[in-house]
Structure formats: C-alpha cells, structure tokens
Amino acid sequence: MSGDGEMSIFGPAAQYLRKSEKERIEAQSMPFDAKTASYVSDDKELYVKGLVQNKDGDKVTVQTLDDRTVVVKEDQVFPMNPPKFD
C-alpha cells in the first residue's frame, strides 16, 4: 500500500484521491456494524448514509445520518463497506 509521501506525484489532486493518514486511522477505529450500516437512495443527494432500524417484508426503515427516518423498498438499500476499506 502506498503511503502519503507517494501521493505527492499527483500534486494538488492528491488530497481528493486519498484520505490523509489521520483520517484513515480515525475511520478505522470507529465502531461499525455491517448488518445495519447502509446507503439508501435519496432524491436530493442520490445516496445517503444510514442505519437500518427495521425490516418488514420488502420495506426497510432507515435512520439517515441527517436524522431523517425513511421507509424504502429493500432494493433501495445498499450495504456500506467498512471504513477500513476507504
């Protein structure tokens, strides 16, 4: 895996291509539940992060990180990769 020093060849674009070492360490140390962490389709943002609260048949209740509760079809909920892979 390449370090932050190797990203310097990309110049000013490097900050957009990879998180800093500090950001990666913080993300890897955050608690993560693969069963509930998800992305949900959104009209304004395309996708938003959220936590699955309840499943009832093909309907899923998701609490988004901006404190909205949405009920969507199961095919509109997508699993989130663990932060350690970002």
PDB file of N, CA and C in Angstrom:
ATOM      1  N   MET A   1       0.853  -1.174   0.000  1.00  0.00           N
ATOM      2  CA  MET A   1       0.000   0.000   0.000  1.00  0.00           C
ATOM      3  C   MET A   1       0.893   1.230   0.000  1.00  0.00           C
ATOM      4  N   SER A   2       0.523   2.200  -0.805  1.00  0.00           N
ATOM      5  CA  SER A   2       1.344   3.398  -0.896  1.00  0.00           C
ATOM      6  C   SER A   2       1.045   4.350   0.251  1.00  0.00           C
ATOM      7  N   GLY A   3       2.087   5.043   0.688  1.00  0.00           N
ATOM      8  CA  GLY A   3       1.937   5.992   1.780  1.00  0.00           C
ATOM      9  C   GLY A   3       1.590   7.374   1.265  1.00  0.00           C
ATOM     10  N   ASP A   4       1.407   8.300   2.196  1.00  0.00           N
ATOM     11  CA  ASP A   4       1.056   9.669   1.824  1.00  0.00           C
ATOM     12  C   ASP A   4       2.155  10.321   0.996  1.00  0.00           C
ATOM     13  N   GLY A   5       3.407   9.974   1.260  1.00  0.00           N
ATOM     14  CA  GLY A   5       4.521  10.548   0.522  1.00  0.00           C
ATOM     15  C   GLY A   5       4.478  10.205  -0.956  1.00  0.00           C
ATOM     16  N   GLU A   6       4.019   9.020  -1.280  1.00  0.00           N
ATOM     17  CA  GLU A   6       3.947   8.591  -2.674  1.00  0.00           C
ATOM     18  C   GLU A   6       2.825   9.295  -3.433  1.00  0.00           C
ATOM     19  N   MET A   7       1.880   9.861  -2.728  1.00  0.00           N
ATOM     20  CA  MET A   7       0.771  10.557  -3.371  1.00  0.00           C
ATOM     21  C   MET A   7       1.191  11.925  -3.903  1.00  0.00           C
ATOM     22  N   SER A   8       2.379  12.402  -3.520  1.00  0.00           N
ATOM     23  CA  SER A   8       2.824  13.731  -3.943  1.00  0.00           C
ATOM     24  C   SER A   8       2.985  13.834  -5.461  1.00  0.00           C
ATOM     25  N   ILE A   9       3.140  12.711  -6.137  1.00  0.00           N
ATOM     26  CA  ILE A   9       3.284  12.763  -7.597  1.00  0.00           C
ATOM     27  C   ILE A   9       2.005  13.248  -8.279  1.00  0.00           C
ATOM     28  N   PHE A  10       0.883  13.211  -7.558  1.00  0.00           N
ATOM     29  CA  PHE A  10      -0.380  13.662  -8.125  1.00  0.00           C
ATOM     30  C   PHE A  10      -0.637  15.145  -7.879  1.00  0.00           C
ATOM     31  N   GLY A  11       0.303  15.805  -7.212  1.00  0.00           N
ATOM     32  CA  GLY A  11       0.203  17.239  -6.985  1.00  0.00           C
ATOM     33  C   GLY A  11      -1.026  17.632  -6.186  1.00  0.00           C
ATOM     34  N   PRO A  12      -1.660  18.749  -6.544  1.00  0.00           N
ATOM     35  CA  PRO A  12      -2.815  19.246  -5.787  1.00  0.00           C
ATOM     36  C   PRO A  12      -4.004  18.277  -5.784  1.00  0.00           C
ATOM     37  N   ALA A  13      -4.085  17.386  -6.762  1.00  0.00           N
ATOM     38  CA  ALA A  13      -5.215  16.446  -6.831  1.00  0.00           C
ATOM     39  C   ALA A  13      -5.109  15.346  -5.785  1.00  0.00           C
ATOM     40  N   ALA A  14      -3.946  15.168  -5.177  1.00  0.00           N
ATOM     41  CA  ALA A  14      -3.734  14.072  -4.223  1.00  0.00           C
ATOM     42  C   ALA A  14      -4.723  14.103  -3.069  1.00  0.00           C
ATOM     43  N   GLN A  15      -5.077  15.292  -2.596  1.00  0.00           N
ATOM     44  CA  GLN A  15      -5.997  15.391  -1.458  1.00  0.00           C
ATOM     45  C   GLN A  15      -7.379  14.838  -1.793  1.00  0.00           C
ATOM     46  N   TYR A  16      -7.736  14.783  -3.057  1.00  0.00           N
ATOM     47  CA  TYR A  16      -9.048  14.271  -3.454  1.00  0.00           C
ATOM     48  C   TYR A  16      -9.002  12.785  -3.803  1.00  0.00           C
ATOM     49  N   LEU A  17      -7.818  12.255  -3.992  1.00  0.00           N
ATOM     50  CA  LEU A  17      -7.672  10.861  -4.390  1.00  0.00           C
ATOM     51  C   LEU A  17      -7.566   9.916  -3.209  1.00  0.00           C
ATOM     52  N   ARG A  18      -7.125  10.423  -2.080  1.00  0.00           N
ATOM     53  CA  ARG A  18      -6.911   9.557  -0.925  1.00  0.00           C
ATOM     54  C   ARG A  18      -7.026  10.363   0.359  1.00  0.00           C
ATOM     55  N   LYS A  19      -7.595   9.714   1.383  1.00  0.00           N
ATOM     56  CA  LYS A  19      -7.689  10.364   2.690  1.00  0.00           C
ATOM     57  C   LYS A  19      -6.305  10.458   3.310  1.00  0.00           C
ATOM     58  N   SER A  20      -6.126  11.432   4.195  1.00  0.00           N
ATOM     59  CA  SER A  20      -4.858  11.560   4.901  1.00  0.00           C
ATOM     60  C   SER A  20      -4.707  10.397   5.882  1.00  0.00           C
ATOM     61  N   GLU A  21      -3.504  10.180   6.345  1.00  0.00           N
ATOM     62  CA  GLU A  21      -3.240   9.094   7.299  1.00  0.00           C
ATOM     63  C   GLU A  21      -4.093   9.267   8.557  1.00  0.00           C
ATOM     64  N   LYS A  22      -4.212  10.492   9.030  1.00  0.00           N
ATOM     65  CA  LYS A  22      -5.017  10.764  10.229  1.00  0.00           C
ATOM     66  C   LYS A  22      -6.483  10.393   9.995  1.00  0.00           C
ATOM     67  N   GLU A  23      -7.032  10.775   8.848  1.00  0.00           N
ATOM     68  CA  GLU A  23      -8.428  10.452   8.533  1.00  0.00           C
ATOM     69  C   GLU A  23      -8.641   8.949   8.410  1.00  0.00           C
ATOM     70  N   ARG A  24      -7.676   8.247   7.834  1.00  0.00           N
ATOM     71  CA  ARG A  24      -7.793   6.781   7.696  1.00  0.00           C
ATOM     72  C   ARG A  24      -7.778   6.105   9.056  1.00  0.00           C
ATOM     73  N   ILE A  25      -6.907   6.547   9.951  1.00  0.00           N
ATOM     74  CA  ILE A  25      -6.827   5.946  11.290  1.00  0.00           C
ATOM     75  C   ILE A  25      -8.119   6.199  12.061  1.00  0.00           C
ATOM     76  N   GLU A  26      -8.655   7.423  11.971  1.00  0.00           N
ATOM     77  CA  GLU A  26      -9.917   7.738  12.650  1.00  0.00           C
ATOM     78  C   GLU A  26     -11.059   6.882  12.109  1.00  0.00           C
ATOM     79  N   ALA A  27     -11.112   6.707  10.800  1.00  0.00           N
ATOM     80  CA  ALA A  27     -12.184   5.913  10.188  1.00  0.00           C
ATOM     81  C   ALA A  27     -12.082   4.444  10.581  1.00  0.00           C
ATOM     82  N   GLN A  28     -10.866   3.930  10.664  1.00  0.00           N
ATOM     83  CA  GLN A  28     -10.673   2.523  11.004  1.00  0.00           C
ATOM     84  C   GLN A  28     -10.990   2.230  12.458  1.00  0.00           C
ATOM     85  N   SER A  29     -10.898   3.226  13.319  1.00  0.00           N
ATOM     86  CA  SER A  29     -11.140   2.994  14.741  1.00  0.00           C
ATOM     87  C   SER A  29     -12.599   3.232  15.142  1.00  0.00           C
ATOM     88  N   MET A  30     -13.425   3.704  14.224  1.00  0.00           N
ATOM     89  CA  MET A  30     -14.841   3.936  14.522  1.00  0.00           C
ATOM     90  C   MET A  30     -15.593   2.611  14.588  1.00  0.00           C
ATOM     91  N   PRO A  31     -16.575   2.500  15.495  1.00  0.00           N
ATOM     92  CA  PRO A  31     -17.384   1.281  15.536  1.00  0.00           C
ATOM     93  C   PRO A  31     -18.192   1.150  14.244  1.00  0.00           C
ATOM     94  N   PHE A  32     -18.353  -0.088  13.777  1.00  0.00           N
ATOM     95  CA  PHE A  32     -19.044  -0.323  12.514  1.00  0.00           C
ATOM     96  C   PHE A  32     -19.837  -1.613  12.613  1.00  0.00           C
ATOM     97  N   ASP A  33     -21.113  -1.565  12.256  1.00  0.00           N
ATOM     98  CA  ASP A  33     -21.967  -2.748  12.247  1.00  0.00           C
ATOM     99  C   ASP A  33     -22.390  -3.013  10.806  1.00  0.00           C
ATOM    100  N   ALA A  34     -21.824  -4.041  10.204  1.00  0.00           N
ATOM    101  CA  ALA A  34     -22.080  -4.345   8.798  1.00  0.00           C
ATOM    102  C   ALA A  34     -23.533  -4.725   8.532  1.00  0.00           C
ATOM    103  N   LYS A  35     -24.253  -5.152   9.558  1.00  0.00           N
ATOM    104  CA  LYS A  35     -25.650  -5.555   9.360  1.00  0.00           C
ATOM    105  C   LYS A  35     -26.587  -4.356   9.248  1.00  0.00           C
ATOM    106  N   THR A  36     -26.221  -3.231   9.838  1.00  0.00           N
ATOM    107  CA  THR A  36     -27.121  -2.076   9.821  1.00  0.00           C
ATOM    108  C   THR A  36     -26.599  -0.896   9.008  1.00  0.00           C
ATOM    109  N   ALA A  37     -25.295  -0.764   8.848  1.00  0.00           N
ATOM    110  CA  ALA A  37     -24.727   0.367   8.105  1.00  0.00           C
ATOM    111  C   ALA A  37     -25.057   0.214   6.625  1.00  0.00           C
ATOM    112  N   SER A  38     -25.629   1.268   6.047  1.00  0.00           N
ATOM    113  CA  SER A  38     -26.061   1.154   4.659  1.00  0.00           C
ATOM    114  C   SER A  38     -26.149   2.521   3.998  1.00  0.00           C
ATOM    115  N   TYR A  39     -26.296   2.478   2.683  1.00  0.00           N
ATOM    116  CA  TYR A  39     -26.637   3.656   1.901  1.00  0.00           C
ATOM    117  C   TYR A  39     -28.072   3.470   1.450  1.00  0.00           C
ATOM    118  N   VAL A  40     -28.813   4.553   1.397  1.00  0.00           N
ATOM    119  CA  VAL A  40     -30.194   4.491   0.943  1.00  0.00           C
ATOM    120  C   VAL A  40     -30.381   5.524  -0.170  1.00  0.00           C
ATOM    121  N   SER A  41     -31.169   5.162  -1.169  1.00  0.00           N
ATOM    122  CA  SER A  41     -31.447   6.082  -2.274  1.00  0.00           C
ATOM    123  C   SER A  41     -32.135   7.338  -1.758  1.00  0.00           C
ATOM    124  N   ASP A  42     -31.739   8.488  -2.336  1.00  0.00           N
ATOM    125  CA  ASP A  42     -32.295   9.771  -1.913  1.00  0.00           C
ATOM    126  C   ASP A  42     -32.517  10.642  -3.149  1.00  0.00           C
ATOM    127  N   ASP A  43     -33.619  11.370  -3.176  1.00  0.00           N
ATOM    128  CA  ASP A  43     -33.940  12.215  -4.327  1.00  0.00           C
ATOM    129  C   ASP A  43     -32.972  13.381  -4.495  1.00  0.00           C
ATOM    130  N   LYS A  44     -32.523  13.992  -3.406  1.00  0.00           N
ATOM    131  CA  LYS A  44     -31.655  15.170  -3.483  1.00  0.00           C
ATOM    132  C   LYS A  44     -30.177  14.805  -3.585  1.00  0.00           C
ATOM    133  N   GLU A  45     -29.728  13.864  -2.758  1.00  0.00           N
ATOM    134  CA  GLU A  45     -28.303  13.556  -2.646  1.00  0.00           C
ATOM    135  C   GLU A  45     -27.881  12.320  -3.433  1.00  0.00           C
ATOM    136  N   LEU A  46     -28.793  11.631  -4.067  1.00  0.00           N
ATOM    137  CA  LEU A  46     -28.588  10.373  -4.767  1.00  0.00           C
ATOM    138  C   LEU A  46     -28.516   9.217  -3.779  1.00  0.00           C
ATOM    139  N   TYR A  47     -27.525   9.256  -2.857  1.00  0.00           N
ATOM    140  CA  TYR A  47     -27.429   8.255  -1.789  1.00  0.00           C
ATOM    141  C   TYR A  47     -27.034   8.952  -0.493  1.00  0.00           C
ATOM    142  N   VAL A  48     -27.574   8.479   0.626  1.00  0.00           N
ATOM    143  CA  VAL A  48     -27.183   8.992   1.934  1.00  0.00           C
ATOM    144  C   VAL A  48     -26.876   7.823   2.857  1.00  0.00           C
ATOM    145  N   LYS A  49     -25.974   8.066   3.806  1.00  0.00           N
ATOM    146  CA  LYS A  49     -25.623   7.040   4.781  1.00  0.00           C
ATOM    147  C   LYS A  49     -26.730   6.915   5.812  1.00  0.00           C
ATOM    148  N   GLY A  50     -26.911   5.692   6.299  1.00  0.00           N
ATOM    149  CA  GLY A  50     -27.924   5.486   7.315  1.00  0.00           C
ATOM    150  C   GLY A  50     -27.748   4.167   8.031  1.00  0.00           C
ATOM    151  N   LEU A  51     -28.594   3.949   9.027  1.00  0.00           N
ATOM    152  CA  LEU A  51     -28.594   2.708   9.800  1.00  0.00           C
ATOM    153  C   LEU A  51     -29.970   2.072   9.693  1.00  0.00           C
ATOM    154  N   VAL A  52     -29.999   0.802   9.323  1.00  0.00           N
ATOM    155  CA  VAL A  52     -31.257   0.077   9.215  1.00  0.00           C
ATOM    156  C   VAL A  52     -31.842  -0.095  10.612  1.00  0.00           C
ATOM    157  N   GLN A  53     -33.076   0.331  10.784  1.00  0.00           N
ATOM    158  CA  GLN A  53     -33.760   0.227  12.069  1.00  0.00           C
ATOM    159  C   GLN A  53     -34.695  -0.972  12.118  1.00  0.00           C
ATOM    160  N   ASN A  54     -35.354  -1.261  10.976  1.00  0.00           N
ATOM    161  CA  ASN A  54     -36.357  -2.311  10.972  1.00  0.00           C
ATOM    162  C   ASN A  54     -36.578  -2.820   9.547  1.00  0.00           C
ATOM    163  N   LYS A  55     -36.855  -4.115   9.424  1.00  0.00           N
ATOM    164  CA  LYS A  55     -37.237  -4.706   8.144  1.00  0.00           C
ATOM    165  C   LYS A  55     -38.601  -5.345   8.322  1.00  0.00           C
ATOM    166  N   ASP A  56     -39.513  -5.009   7.417  1.00  0.00           N
ATOM    167  CA  ASP A  56     -40.857  -5.572   7.467  1.00  0.00           C
ATOM    168  C   ASP A  56     -41.240  -5.978   6.049  1.00  0.00           C
ATOM    169  N   GLY A  57     -41.064  -7.253   5.740  1.00  0.00           N
ATOM    170  CA  GLY A  57     -41.318  -7.724   4.382  1.00  0.00           C
ATOM    171  C   GLY A  57     -40.307  -7.117   3.433  1.00  0.00           C
ATOM    172  N   ASP A  58     -40.802  -6.416   2.400  1.00  0.00           N
ATOM    173  CA  ASP A  58     -39.886  -5.774   1.457  1.00  0.00           C
ATOM    174  C   ASP A  58     -39.678  -4.294   1.778  1.00  0.00           C
ATOM    175  N   LYS A  59     -40.178  -3.831   2.921  1.00  0.00           N
ATOM    176  CA  LYS A  59     -39.997  -2.442   3.357  1.00  0.00           C
ATOM    177  C   LYS A  59     -38.930  -2.373   4.448  1.00  0.00           C
ATOM    178  N   VAL A  60     -38.065  -1.381   4.338  1.00  0.00           N
ATOM    179  CA  VAL A  60     -36.974  -1.201   5.297  1.00  0.00           C
ATOM    180  C   VAL A  60     -37.042   0.219   5.855  1.00  0.00           C
ATOM    181  N   THR A  61     -36.955   0.330   7.174  1.00  0.00           N
ATOM    182  CA  THR A  61     -36.913   1.635   7.834  1.00  0.00           C
ATOM    183  C   THR A  61     -35.455   1.967   8.122  1.00  0.00           C
ATOM    184  N   VAL A  62     -35.017   3.126   7.639  1.00  0.00           N
ATOM    185  CA  VAL A  62     -33.623   3.545   7.783  1.00  0.00           C
ATOM    186  C   VAL A  62     -33.572   4.910   8.455  1.00  0.00           C
ATOM    187  N   GLN A  63     -32.711   5.037   9.464  1.00  0.00           N
ATOM    188  CA  GLN A  63     -32.438   6.323  10.119  1.00  0.00           C
ATOM    189  C   GLN A  63     -31.199   6.894   9.446  1.00  0.00           C
ATOM    190  N   THR A  64     -31.353   7.994   8.707  1.00  0.00           N
ATOM    191  CA  THR A  64     -30.216   8.574   7.999  1.00  0.00           C
ATOM    192  C   THR A  64     -29.352   9.379   8.966  1.00  0.00           C
ATOM    193  N   LEU A  65     -28.129   9.668   8.561  1.00  0.00           N
ATOM    194  CA  LEU A  65     -27.211  10.404   9.429  1.00  0.00           C
ATOM    195  C   LEU A  65     -27.618  11.863   9.608  1.00  0.00           C
ATOM    196  N   ASP A  66     -28.507  12.357   8.752  1.00  0.00           N
ATOM    197  CA  ASP A  66     -29.023  13.719   8.947  1.00  0.00           C
ATOM    198  C   ASP A  66     -30.359  13.693   9.697  1.00  0.00           C
ATOM    199  N   ASP A  67     -30.573  12.645  10.485  1.00  0.00           N
ATOM    200  CA  ASP A  67     -31.716  12.494  11.400  1.00  0.00           C
ATOM    201  C   ASP A  67     -33.083  12.431  10.731  1.00  0.00           C
ATOM    202  N   ARG A  68     -33.146  11.884   9.543  1.00  0.00           N
ATOM    203  CA  ARG A  68     -34.435  11.615   8.910  1.00  0.00           C
ATOM    204  C   ARG A  68     -34.709  10.118   9.013  1.00  0.00           C
ATOM    205  N   THR A  69     -35.959   9.753   9.131  1.00  0.00           N
ATOM    206  CA  THR A  69     -36.353   8.353   9.095  1.00  0.00           C
ATOM    207  C   THR A  69     -37.099   8.136   7.790  1.00  0.00           C
ATOM    208  N   VAL A  70     -36.589   7.209   6.977  1.00  0.00           N
ATOM    209  CA  VAL A  70     -37.212   6.935   5.688  1.00  0.00           C
ATOM    210  C   VAL A  70     -37.593   5.465   5.610  1.00  0.00           C
ATOM    211  N   VAL A  71     -38.689   5.193   4.923  1.00  0.00           N
ATOM    212  CA  VAL A  71     -39.127   3.822   4.678  1.00  0.00           C
ATOM    213  C   VAL A  71     -39.050   3.609   3.175  1.00  0.00           C
ATOM    214  N   VAL A  72     -38.225   2.650   2.761  1.00  0.00           N
ATOM    215  CA  VAL A  72     -38.000   2.397   1.341  1.00  0.00           C
ATOM    216  C   VAL A  72     -38.093   0.906   1.064  1.00  0.00           C
ATOM    217  N   LYS A  73     -38.173   0.569  -0.219  1.00  0.00           N
ATOM    218  CA  LYS A  73     -38.148  -0.836  -0.603  1.00  0.00           C
ATOM    219  C   LYS A  73     -36.750  -1.388  -0.355  1.00  0.00           C
ATOM    220  N   GLU A  74     -36.694  -2.684  -0.115  1.00  0.00           N
ATOM    221  CA  GLU A  74     -35.422  -3.326   0.208  1.00  0.00           C
ATOM    222  C   GLU A  74     -34.386  -3.151  -0.899  1.00  0.00           C
ATOM    223  N   ASP A  75     -34.825  -3.059  -2.161  1.00  0.00           N
ATOM    224  CA  ASP A  75     -33.867  -2.919  -3.261  1.00  0.00           C
ATOM    225  C   ASP A  75     -33.284  -1.507  -3.378  1.00  0.00           C
ATOM    226  N   GLN A  76     -33.695  -0.592  -2.498  1.00  0.00           N
ATOM    227  CA  GLN A  76     -33.139   0.761  -2.476  1.00  0.00           C
ATOM    228  C   GLN A  76     -32.168   0.964  -1.310  1.00  0.00           C
ATOM    229  N   VAL A  77     -31.835  -0.132  -0.623  1.00  0.00           N
ATOM    230  CA  VAL A  77     -30.895  -0.090   0.498  1.00  0.00           C
ATOM    231  C   VAL A  77     -29.669  -0.900   0.098  1.00  0.00           C
ATOM    232  N   PHE A  78     -28.490  -0.288   0.239  1.00  0.00           N
ATOM    233  CA  PHE A  78     -27.250  -0.916  -0.202  1.00  0.00           C
ATOM    234  C   PHE A  78     -26.263  -0.997   0.955  1.00  0.00           C
ATOM    235  N   PRO A  79     -25.584  -2.141   1.114  1.00  0.00           N
ATOM    236  CA  PRO A  79     -24.639  -2.285   2.225  1.00  0.00           C
ATOM    237  C   PRO A  79     -23.454  -1.334   2.083  1.00  0.00           C
ATOM    238  N   MET A  80     -22.939  -0.906   3.211  1.00  0.00           N
ATOM    239  CA  MET A  80     -21.810   0.012   3.252  1.00  0.00           C
ATOM    240  C   MET A  80     -20.534  -0.785   3.535  1.00  0.00           C
ATOM    241  N   ASN A  81     -19.459  -0.447   2.839  1.00  0.00           N
ATOM    242  CA  ASN A  81     -18.168  -1.065   3.129  1.00  0.00           C
ATOM    243  C   ASN A  81     -17.651  -0.560   4.468  1.00  0.00           C
ATOM    244  N   PRO A  82     -16.922  -1.398   5.194  1.00  0.00           N
ATOM    245  CA  PRO A  82     -16.311  -0.928   6.445  1.00  0.00           C
ATOM    246  C   PRO A  82     -15.362   0.237   6.163  1.00  0.00           C
ATOM    247  N   PRO A  83     -15.277   1.198   7.084  1.00  0.00           N
ATOM    248  CA  PRO A  83     -14.410   2.363   6.874  1.00  0.00           C
ATOM    249  C   PRO A  83     -12.946   1.994   6.627  1.00  0.00           C
ATOM    250  N   LYS A  84     -12.513   0.851   7.112  1.00  0.00           N
ATOM    251  CA  LYS A  84     -11.106   0.483   6.917  1.00  0.00           C
ATOM    252  C   LYS A  84     -10.771   0.270   5.442  1.00  0.00           C
ATOM    253  N   PHE A  85     -11.775   0.107   4.575  1.00  0.00           N
ATOM    254  CA  PHE A  85     -11.526  -0.082   3.150  1.00  0.00           C
ATOM    255  C   PHE A  85     -11.589   1.221   2.365  1.00  0.00           C
ATOM    256  N   ASP A  86     -11.894   2.332   3.015  1.00  0.00           N
ATOM    257  CA  ASP A  86     -11.950   3.627   2.323  1.00  0.00           C
ATOM    258  C   ASP A  86     -10.567   4.159   2.070  1.00  0.00           C
TER     259      ASP A  86
END
